[in-house]
Amino acid sequence: IRLGLLITVVIQIYLLLRETREHQKELLRYQEMQNEMLQMRVSIMVSQIQPHFLYNSLTSIAQLCEKNPSKAKKATIEFSEYLRRNMNSLKEQAPVPFESELKHLETYLSLEKMRFGDELNIEYDIEATDFLIPSLTVQPLVENAIEHGIDLLTDRRGVITVAAKLYNGLIHIEVKDNGIGMPKETAHTFLTSESGGYGARNVNDRIRLFYGEQYNLKVSSDENGTVITIEFPARKPV
C-alpha cells in the first residue's frame, strides 16, 4: 500500500512538473510573440512617419533652388545628412540617446529655417540630455507646429521653443509655438481624431507602447499658440 501510494505521489509530482514546464514554455512563447508584435508596430509607425518628413524637406529644397542656389546646395548637403539619419532610425527599435535625436532635429530645423528665413525663430531650453528617447519623437512635433501653426501666421514672426528637463525621475519635453492655435474642442481630441496632427498621434502611440498607457502627450492651445508636452521615465544610456 505504501509503495503504491509512493508511486502515485511520484507520478503526480512528475505530471505537475511537466505541466509547469509546458506552462512556462507557453508563457515564454507568448512573451516572444508580444515582443515581436511590439517591434512590428514600432517599425510600421516609424516607416509611416518617414514619407511625411521627406515631402516637407524636399519642398524646402525646391523652393530654395529658385530663390538662392547657393543655399540650395547647402540645404542639399544637410538634407543628405538628415536622410541618412532618418534611414538609420528605421533600424532603431529601442530608444536612442537624446543627443542624437536633438542633432536630427537641428538638421531638420536648419532646412526649415532656410525656407522661412527671418520669419522663423528657434529657441532651445535644454537642461537634460543624458537620457534615452524613442527615435523620431521630437521632430514630428516640431514639424506639426510649423505646418499647422507657424506656416499659417500672417501677423507675427513665428517662434518655436524646444525644452527638455528632468523632474522627479521623469523626462519632461515641451514643444511650444506661437502659431494660430486651435479651438479647445480640437485640442481636446487632437491625439484621437482625424483633426489632429498625424505626427503627434504617431508619437503618442509610440510613447504609450514604450513606457505604458499612462504616458500620453498633453496638448494646450489658444489663439496665441500651442504647447505639446511629453513625460516619460528617465532612462540613461548604457
Protein backbone atom coordinates (compact mmCIF):
# COMPACT_ATOMS: atom_id res chain seq x y z
CA ILE A 1 0.00 0.00 0.00
CA ARG A 2 2.81 2.37 0.92
CA LEU A 3 4.63 1.53 -2.30
CA GLY A 4 1.51 2.21 -4.34
CA LEU A 5 0.95 5.49 -2.55
CA LEU A 6 4.56 6.49 -3.14
CA ILE A 7 4.28 5.66 -6.83
CA THR A 8 1.08 7.68 -7.07
CA VAL A 9 2.72 10.68 -5.40
CA VAL A 10 5.77 10.42 -7.68
CA ILE A 11 3.53 10.27 -10.76
CA GLN A 12 1.54 13.28 -9.60
CA ILE A 13 4.71 15.25 -8.94
CA TYR A 14 6.04 14.30 -12.38
CA LEU A 15 2.78 15.35 -14.07
CA LEU A 16 2.78 18.61 -12.12
CA LEU A 17 6.37 19.37 -13.11
CA ARG A 18 5.64 18.58 -16.73
CA GLU A 19 2.57 20.78 -16.69
CA THR A 20 4.61 23.57 -15.08
CA ARG A 21 7.31 23.28 -17.77
CA GLU A 22 4.69 23.37 -20.52
CA HIS A 23 3.10 26.41 -18.92
CA GLN A 24 6.48 28.16 -18.76
CA LYS A 25 7.10 27.33 -22.41
CA GLU A 26 3.70 28.75 -23.37
CA LEU A 27 4.37 31.86 -21.31
CA LEU A 28 7.76 32.32 -22.98
CA ARG A 29 6.23 31.88 -26.45
CA TYR A 30 3.53 34.40 -25.56
CA GLN A 31 6.11 36.93 -24.35
CA GLU A 32 8.17 36.44 -27.50
CA MET A 33 5.07 36.92 -29.63
CA GLN A 34 4.18 40.09 -27.73
CA ASN A 35 7.71 41.43 -28.24
CA GLU A 36 7.55 40.64 -31.95
CA MET A 37 4.19 42.39 -32.23
CA LEU A 38 5.59 45.41 -30.42
CA GLN A 39 8.61 45.55 -32.74
CA MET A 40 6.34 45.23 -35.77
CA ARG A 41 4.07 48.03 -34.56
CA VAL A 42 7.04 50.31 -33.88
CA SER A 43 8.50 49.54 -37.32
CA ILE A 44 5.20 50.31 -39.01
CA MET A 45 4.79 53.55 -37.08
CA VAL A 46 8.31 54.77 -37.82
CA SER A 47 8.09 53.84 -41.50
CA GLN A 48 4.78 55.72 -41.76
CA ILE A 49 6.40 58.87 -40.38
CA GLN A 50 9.24 58.89 -42.86
CA PRO A 51 7.41 59.98 -46.06
CA HIS A 52 5.96 62.97 -44.22
CA PHE A 53 9.48 64.12 -43.38
CA LEU A 54 10.73 63.64 -46.91
CA TYR A 55 7.95 65.60 -48.59
CA ASN A 56 8.47 68.67 -46.40
CA SER A 57 12.26 68.60 -46.71
CA LEU A 58 12.17 68.22 -50.49
CA THR A 59 9.67 71.07 -50.75
CA SER A 60 12.06 73.28 -48.77
CA ILE A 61 14.95 72.49 -51.12
CA ALA A 62 12.81 73.02 -54.22
CA GLN A 63 11.83 76.48 -53.01
CA LEU A 64 15.46 77.35 -52.26
CA CYS A 65 16.56 76.29 -55.76
CA GLU A 66 14.54 79.17 -57.19
CA LYS A 67 15.40 81.77 -54.55
CA ASN A 68 19.04 81.08 -53.69
CA PRO A 69 21.00 78.31 -55.48
CA SER A 70 23.98 78.53 -53.09
CA LYS A 71 21.72 77.98 -50.09
CA ALA A 72 20.01 75.21 -52.02
CA LYS A 73 23.37 73.46 -52.34
CA LYS A 74 23.96 73.75 -48.60
CA ALA A 75 20.43 72.53 -47.95
CA THR A 76 21.01 69.53 -50.21
CA ILE A 77 24.06 68.52 -48.16
CA GLU A 78 22.12 68.93 -44.94
CA PHE A 79 19.21 67.00 -46.40
CA SER A 80 21.59 64.18 -47.28
CA GLU A 81 22.72 64.04 -43.65
CA TYR A 82 19.14 64.27 -42.48
CA LEU A 83 18.10 61.46 -44.83
CA ARG A 84 20.93 59.24 -43.62
CA ARG A 85 19.89 59.71 -40.01
CA ASN A 86 16.26 59.18 -40.92
CA MET A 87 17.06 55.92 -42.72
CA ASN A 88 19.13 54.72 -39.77
CA SER A 89 16.22 55.44 -37.43
CA LEU A 90 14.18 52.76 -39.20
CA LYS A 91 16.57 50.20 -37.70
CA GLU A 92 16.27 51.63 -34.20
CA GLN A 93 13.67 49.61 -32.34
CA ALA A 94 14.97 50.63 -28.93
CA PRO A 95 15.14 54.21 -27.58
CA VAL A 96 18.16 56.25 -28.69
CA PRO A 97 20.29 58.88 -26.89
CA PHE A 98 18.51 62.22 -26.75
CA GLU A 99 21.60 64.00 -28.07
CA SER A 100 21.24 62.00 -31.30
CA GLU A 101 17.56 62.91 -31.52
CA LEU A 102 18.39 66.56 -30.88
CA LYS A 103 21.03 66.57 -33.62
CA HIS A 104 18.47 65.16 -36.04
CA LEU A 105 16.01 67.88 -35.02
CA GLU A 106 18.59 70.61 -35.54
CA THR A 107 19.31 69.38 -39.07
CA TYR A 108 15.62 69.42 -39.91
CA LEU A 109 15.16 72.90 -38.46
CA SER A 110 18.14 74.17 -40.41
CA LEU A 111 16.32 73.18 -43.59
CA GLU A 112 13.10 74.80 -42.44
CA LYS A 113 14.97 77.91 -41.35
CA MET A 114 16.28 78.30 -44.89
CA ARG A 115 12.72 78.15 -46.18
CA PHE A 116 11.28 80.62 -43.67
CA GLY A 117 14.30 82.88 -43.19
CA ASP A 118 13.76 85.54 -40.51
CA GLU A 119 10.09 84.59 -40.27
CA LEU A 120 11.01 81.64 -38.06
CA ASN A 121 12.99 81.78 -34.83
CA ILE A 122 14.10 78.66 -32.92
CA GLU A 123 14.78 78.71 -29.19
CA TYR A 124 16.20 75.88 -27.08
CA ASP A 125 15.83 75.37 -23.33
CA ILE A 126 17.74 72.12 -22.84
CA GLU A 127 18.59 71.28 -19.22
CA ALA A 128 18.71 67.47 -19.56
CA THR A 129 20.38 65.42 -22.30
CA ASP A 130 21.61 62.23 -20.59
CA PHE A 131 18.61 60.03 -21.32
CA LEU A 132 17.08 57.74 -23.94
CA ILE A 133 14.08 58.53 -26.12
CA PRO A 134 12.21 56.67 -28.90
CA SER A 135 13.68 57.66 -32.26
CA LEU A 136 11.83 60.34 -34.24
CA THR A 137 9.89 61.64 -31.25
CA VAL A 138 10.55 65.39 -31.09
CA GLN A 139 10.94 66.19 -34.78
CA PRO A 140 7.36 65.26 -35.79
CA LEU A 141 6.01 67.56 -33.05
CA VAL A 142 8.13 70.46 -34.30
CA GLU A 143 7.13 69.70 -37.87
CA ASN A 144 3.49 69.71 -36.82
CA ALA A 145 3.96 73.08 -35.09
CA ILE A 146 5.43 74.56 -38.27
CA GLU A 147 2.87 73.09 -40.64
CA HIS A 148 -0.29 73.75 -38.64
CA GLY A 149 0.75 76.80 -36.63
CA ILE A 150 3.72 78.82 -37.85
CA ASP A 151 3.12 78.35 -41.58
CA LEU A 152 -0.32 79.95 -41.25
CA LEU A 153 0.81 83.06 -39.38
CA THR A 154 0.22 86.44 -41.04
CA ASP A 155 0.54 88.95 -38.19
CA ARG A 156 3.70 87.96 -36.31
CA ARG A 157 7.05 86.24 -36.55
CA GLY A 158 6.99 82.51 -35.84
CA VAL A 159 8.77 81.24 -32.72
CA ILE A 160 9.26 77.61 -31.69
CA THR A 161 10.74 76.66 -28.33
CA VAL A 162 12.02 73.17 -27.56
CA ALA A 163 12.65 72.36 -23.90
CA ALA A 164 13.95 69.22 -22.16
CA LYS A 165 14.11 68.92 -18.38
CA LEU A 166 14.19 66.29 -15.62
CA TYR A 167 11.55 66.34 -12.87
CA ASN A 168 11.32 63.67 -10.15
CA GLY A 169 12.71 60.91 -12.34
CA LEU A 170 10.56 61.88 -15.33
CA ILE A 171 11.82 63.48 -18.53
CA HIS A 172 9.70 66.48 -19.48
CA ILE A 173 9.89 67.60 -23.13
CA GLU A 174 7.96 70.59 -24.38
CA VAL A 175 7.43 71.88 -27.91
CA LYS A 176 5.87 75.33 -27.90
CA ASP A 177 4.90 77.58 -30.80
CA ASN A 178 3.25 80.97 -31.15
CA GLY A 179 1.17 79.88 -34.14
CA ILE A 180 -2.53 80.33 -34.80
CA GLY A 181 -3.51 77.75 -32.18
CA MET A 182 -6.67 75.67 -32.28
CA PRO A 183 -10.13 75.65 -30.72
CA LYS A 184 -10.49 73.92 -27.33
CA GLU A 185 -12.64 71.19 -28.87
CA THR A 186 -9.92 70.39 -31.42
CA ALA A 187 -7.17 70.46 -28.79
CA HIS A 188 -9.20 68.06 -26.63
CA THR A 189 -9.40 65.47 -29.43
CA PHE A 190 -6.08 66.32 -31.10
CA LEU A 191 -4.47 62.92 -30.43
CA THR A 192 -7.50 60.75 -31.17
CA SER A 193 -9.35 62.26 -34.12
CA GLU A 194 -8.61 62.93 -37.78
CA SER A 195 -8.42 66.65 -36.97
CA GLY A 196 -5.22 66.05 -35.01
CA GLY A 197 -1.72 66.04 -36.36
CA TYR A 198 -0.66 62.70 -37.83
CA GLY A 199 2.87 63.03 -36.47
CA ALA A 200 1.66 63.88 -32.96
CA ARG A 201 -0.72 60.90 -32.85
CA ASN A 202 2.08 58.64 -34.03
CA VAL A 203 4.46 59.91 -31.35
CA ASN A 204 1.77 59.47 -28.70
CA ASP A 205 1.19 55.86 -29.77
CA ARG A 206 4.91 55.04 -29.57
CA ILE A 207 5.37 56.70 -26.17
CA ARG A 208 2.48 54.58 -24.86
CA LEU A 209 3.99 51.45 -26.38
CA PHE A 210 7.43 52.05 -24.90
CA TYR A 211 6.51 53.34 -21.45
CA GLY A 212 2.89 52.43 -20.74
CA GLU A 213 -0.58 53.73 -21.48
CA GLN A 214 -0.44 56.24 -18.63
CA TYR A 215 2.16 58.30 -20.51
CA ASN A 216 0.27 60.42 -23.04
CA LEU A 217 1.12 63.62 -24.83
CA LYS A 218 -0.61 66.69 -23.40
CA VAL A 219 -1.92 69.44 -25.66
CA SER A 220 -2.68 73.00 -24.65
CA SER A 221 -3.70 75.60 -27.23
CA ASP A 222 -5.30 79.01 -27.72
CA GLU A 223 -5.10 81.88 -30.20
CA ASN A 224 -1.53 82.60 -29.06
CA GLY A 225 -0.12 79.20 -29.93
CA THR A 226 0.12 75.55 -28.95
CA VAL A 227 2.15 73.63 -26.37
CA ILE A 228 2.68 69.88 -26.57
CA THR A 229 4.38 68.14 -23.66
CA ILE A 230 5.72 64.62 -23.21
CA GLU A 231 6.60 62.94 -19.94
CA PHE A 232 8.19 59.50 -19.57
CA PRO A 233 10.55 57.69 -17.19
CA ALA A 234 14.19 58.72 -17.44
CA ARG A 235 16.47 56.00 -18.79
CA LYS A 236 20.18 56.65 -19.11
CA PRO A 237 22.27 55.25 -21.99
CA VAL A 238 24.34 52.21 -21.07
